[in-house]
Protein backbone atom coordinates (compact mmCIF):
# COMPACT_ATOMS: atom_id res chain seq x y z
CA MET A 1 1.37 9.80 -25.87
CA GLY A 2 -0.75 9.64 -29.02
CA ASP A 3 -2.22 6.25 -29.82
CA ASP A 4 0.58 4.28 -28.18
CA PRO A 5 -0.77 1.50 -25.96
CA ILE A 6 -0.71 2.06 -22.22
CA THR A 7 2.23 0.08 -20.80
CA VAL A 8 1.65 -1.78 -17.55
CA VAL A 9 3.69 -3.73 -15.00
CA LEU A 10 1.58 -6.23 -13.02
CA ALA A 11 2.63 -7.00 -9.44
CA ASP A 12 0.66 -9.81 -7.78
CA ASP A 13 1.97 -12.98 -6.16
CA HIS A 14 -0.69 -15.22 -7.76
CA ALA A 15 0.19 -16.22 -11.33
CA VAL A 16 -3.43 -17.11 -12.14
CA VAL A 17 -4.53 -13.60 -11.10
CA ARG A 18 -1.84 -12.02 -13.28
CA THR A 19 -2.93 -14.15 -16.25
CA GLY A 20 -6.54 -13.03 -15.85
CA LEU A 21 -5.55 -9.39 -15.50
CA LYS A 22 -3.29 -9.60 -18.53
CA LEU A 23 -6.19 -10.87 -20.66
CA LEU A 24 -8.49 -8.17 -19.29
CA LEU A 25 -6.02 -5.39 -20.11
CA ALA A 26 -5.14 -6.83 -23.53
CA GLN A 27 -8.81 -6.63 -24.51
CA ASP A 28 -8.53 -2.86 -24.00
CA GLY A 29 -5.34 -2.66 -26.05
CA MET A 30 -3.00 -2.23 -23.09
CA GLN A 31 0.46 -3.80 -23.12
CA VAL A 32 1.70 -5.70 -20.05
CA VAL A 33 5.48 -5.31 -20.30
CA ALA A 34 6.41 -7.30 -17.17
CA GLU A 35 4.95 -9.33 -14.30
CA ALA A 36 6.26 -9.58 -10.74
CA GLY A 37 5.33 -11.61 -7.67
CA ASP A 38 6.90 -9.39 -5.02
CA VAL A 39 7.97 -5.81 -4.33
CA ALA A 40 11.63 -6.39 -5.24
CA GLY A 41 10.71 -7.76 -8.67
CA ALA A 42 8.17 -5.02 -9.29
CA LEU A 43 10.72 -2.35 -8.39
CA ARG A 44 13.23 -3.88 -10.79
CA TYR A 45 10.73 -3.94 -13.66
CA VAL A 46 9.42 -0.43 -12.98
CA LEU A 47 13.00 0.86 -13.02
CA GLY A 48 13.78 -1.02 -16.23
CA HIS A 49 10.58 -0.41 -18.22
CA LYS A 50 9.34 2.94 -16.85
CA PRO A 51 5.73 1.85 -17.54
CA ASP A 52 2.76 4.20 -17.71
CA VAL A 53 1.08 2.27 -14.88
CA LEU A 54 2.03 -0.17 -12.12
CA VAL A 55 -0.84 -2.39 -10.92
CA LEU A 56 0.18 -3.23 -7.35
CA ASP A 57 -1.23 -5.83 -4.97
CA LEU A 58 -0.92 -4.83 -1.30
CA ASN A 59 -0.58 -8.39 0.03
CA MET A 60 2.51 -10.02 -1.44
CA PRO A 61 5.12 -12.10 0.40
CA GLY A 62 8.31 -10.43 1.53
CA GLU A 63 8.61 -6.66 1.72
CA PRO A 64 5.24 -4.90 2.29
CA SER A 65 3.83 -3.02 -0.70
CA LEU A 66 2.38 0.03 1.03
CA PRO A 67 5.64 1.49 2.43
CA ALA A 68 7.33 0.80 -0.94
CA ILE A 69 5.02 3.09 -2.96
CA PRO A 70 7.30 6.16 -2.63
CA ARG A 71 10.24 4.06 -3.85
CA PHE A 72 8.34 3.07 -7.00
CA LEU A 73 7.66 6.73 -7.70
CA GLU A 74 11.29 7.59 -7.07
CA ALA A 75 12.39 4.88 -9.52
CA SER A 76 9.97 6.10 -12.20
CA PRO A 77 8.27 9.44 -11.41
CA GLN A 78 6.01 9.30 -14.48
CA THR A 79 4.57 5.88 -13.56
CA ARG A 80 1.10 5.98 -12.02
CA ILE A 81 0.30 3.41 -9.34
CA VAL A 82 -3.02 1.58 -9.29
CA VAL A 83 -3.48 -0.45 -6.12
CA LEU A 84 -5.49 -3.64 -6.67
CA THR A 85 -6.33 -5.34 -3.39
CA MET A 86 -8.81 -7.24 -1.24
CA GLN A 87 -8.31 -4.69 1.57
CA GLN A 88 -11.67 -2.93 1.93
CA GLU A 89 -10.85 -0.83 5.00
CA PRO A 90 -10.90 2.92 4.22
CA GLN A 91 -7.68 3.38 6.19
CA PHE A 92 -5.70 1.29 3.69
CA ALA A 93 -7.04 3.35 0.78
CA ARG A 94 -6.20 6.57 2.61
CA GLU A 95 -2.67 5.34 3.34
CA ALA A 96 -2.10 4.17 -0.26
CA LEU A 97 -3.30 7.43 -1.80
CA GLY A 98 -1.36 9.40 0.79
CA ALA A 99 1.81 7.48 -0.11
CA GLY A 100 1.41 8.42 -3.77
CA ALA A 101 -0.91 5.88 -5.41
CA THR A 102 -3.32 7.36 -7.96
CA ALA A 103 -6.05 4.71 -7.87
CA TYR A 104 -7.41 2.10 -5.45
CA VAL A 105 -9.45 -0.80 -6.84
CA LEU A 106 -10.89 -3.80 -4.99
CA LYS A 107 -10.12 -7.18 -6.56
CA GLU A 108 -13.77 -8.18 -6.41
CA ALA A 109 -14.55 -5.28 -8.76
CA ALA A 110 -11.51 -5.62 -11.04
CA ASP A 111 -13.47 -6.86 -14.07
CA ASP A 112 -15.63 -3.73 -14.01
CA GLU A 113 -13.25 -1.09 -12.69
CA LEU A 114 -9.58 -1.85 -13.35
CA VAL A 115 -9.47 -0.67 -16.98
CA GLN A 116 -11.36 2.49 -16.05
CA ALA A 117 -9.01 3.11 -13.11
CA ILE A 118 -5.90 2.67 -15.28
CA HIS A 119 -7.17 5.16 -17.87
CA ALA A 120 -7.99 7.64 -15.10
CA ALA A 121 -4.60 7.15 -13.44
CA ARG A 122 -2.70 7.60 -16.68
CA GLU A 123 -4.44 10.95 -17.10
CA GLY A 124 -3.49 11.89 -13.55
CA ARG A 125 -7.00 11.55 -12.13
CA THR A 126 -7.57 9.80 -8.81
CA TYR A 127 -9.84 6.76 -8.92
CA VAL A 128 -11.27 4.99 -5.88
CA ASN A 129 -13.77 2.13 -5.83
CA PRO A 130 -17.13 3.97 -5.50
CA SER A 131 -18.42 2.11 -2.43
CA LEU A 132 -15.05 2.52 -0.73
CA GLY A 133 -14.91 6.18 -1.73
CA ALA A 134 -18.18 6.79 0.11
CA LYS A 135 -16.76 5.15 3.24
CA LEU A 136 -13.55 7.13 2.83
CA ALA A 137 -15.48 10.38 2.81
CA THR A 138 -17.31 9.59 6.04
CA ALA A 139 -14.80 7.44 7.94
CA PRO A 140 -12.92 9.12 10.78
CA VAL A 141 -9.21 9.41 10.20
CA GLY A 142 -7.64 6.63 12.25
CA PRO A 143 -4.03 5.94 13.16
CA PRO A 144 -1.49 5.85 10.30
CA GLY A 145 -0.23 2.68 8.64
CA GLY A 146 -3.43 0.74 9.19
CA LEU A 147 -2.64 0.47 12.91
CA THR A 148 -5.35 -0.05 15.49
CA GLU A 149 -5.75 2.51 18.27
CA ARG A 150 -4.06 0.11 20.71
CA GLU A 151 -1.13 -0.47 18.34
CA ALA A 152 -0.75 3.30 17.92
CA ASP A 153 -0.65 3.71 21.72
CA ILE A 154 2.08 1.07 21.97
CA LEU A 155 4.08 2.57 19.09
CA ARG A 156 3.87 5.98 20.77
CA LEU A 157 5.32 4.55 23.99
CA ILE A 158 8.03 2.66 22.09
CA ALA A 159 9.02 5.93 20.42
CA LEU A 160 9.19 7.60 23.83
CA GLY A 161 11.77 5.01 24.89
CA HIS A 162 9.70 2.71 27.09
CA THR A 163 10.49 -1.00 27.38
CA ASN A 164 7.90 -3.71 26.76
CA THR A 165 7.59 -4.20 30.53
CA GLU A 166 6.98 -0.49 31.13
CA ILE A 167 4.43 -0.36 28.31
CA ALA A 168 2.62 -3.37 29.77
CA GLU A 169 2.42 -1.65 33.17
CA GLN A 170 1.14 1.63 31.73
CA LEU A 171 -1.54 0.02 29.55
CA PHE A 172 -2.48 -2.72 32.04
CA LEU A 173 -1.49 -5.47 29.61
CA SER A 174 0.72 -8.54 29.90
CA VAL A 175 4.25 -8.31 28.49
CA ARG A 176 3.38 -11.11 26.07
CA THR A 177 0.42 -9.10 24.73
CA VAL A 178 2.66 -6.08 24.21
CA GLU A 179 5.18 -8.26 22.36
CA THR A 180 2.40 -9.58 20.11
CA HIS A 181 1.17 -6.05 19.35
CA ARG A 182 4.73 -4.97 18.64
CA ALA A 183 5.19 -7.82 16.15
CA HIS A 184 1.96 -6.78 14.39
CA ILE A 185 3.14 -3.16 14.25
CA GLN A 186 6.46 -4.18 12.70
CA GLN A 187 4.70 -6.38 10.15
CA LYS A 188 2.16 -3.73 9.14
CA LEU A 189 4.72 -0.95 8.81
CA GLY A 190 7.52 -3.03 7.31
CA ARG A 191 9.87 -1.66 9.96
CA THR A 192 11.74 -3.89 12.41
CA THR A 193 14.24 -1.82 14.40
CA ARG A 194 13.41 0.59 17.21
CA ALA A 195 15.05 3.41 15.23
CA GLU A 196 12.75 2.75 12.25
CA LEU A 197 9.68 2.67 14.49
CA VAL A 198 10.72 5.92 16.18
CA ARG A 199 11.24 7.58 12.79
CA PHE A 200 7.76 6.49 11.63
CA ALA A 201 6.17 7.77 14.85
CA LEU A 202 7.92 11.13 14.43
CA ASP A 203 7.05 11.45 10.75
CA GLU A 204 3.38 10.65 11.41
CA GLY A 205 3.10 13.01 14.38
CA LEU A 206 2.43 10.29 16.95
CA VAL A 207 5.08 11.92 19.15
CA ASP A 208 6.48 15.44 19.17
CA ARG A 209 9.89 16.09 17.67
């Protein structure tokens, strides 16, 4: 690696945010080789540039970022992923790190922490926002994928083959409420078909194989 600048791909859907981050990183001698506003663009640039680091926003339009993390690593195994997000819930940090991200930085602390996190990530060291890290250490492990307990219950029943009507009866909910929960589950997980939901439930141990 020597004295070569750290190469970075920025993935955030707000151009003004990317501009600010680019200036911040340039002050530390880093080189932003590409910018993307969605997962598809970021994946294309990571594959093409093989950067040292991908700075990834979790909330971009289109395909969700969190489930795509393994695909970024598959496209460029040597690239470290630094998640930069407004999501302060420990569960999101746990999911991101579990999926293969090396660092998790809150946008509100980017000015103070992003450069430090990128250096740590490039060296293979995990970095988590300190206040979030403390919560992460003490927070109980909740359902996977950022799901609520109720959403996890519904996903479990979906995976067991129950219809929305049957789920509503078992959980004493209206069918409309179950449909709303199901839509939220699909959005959070980035999975839309029953087969994809069943696969996720199996992989995460929500139901027995």
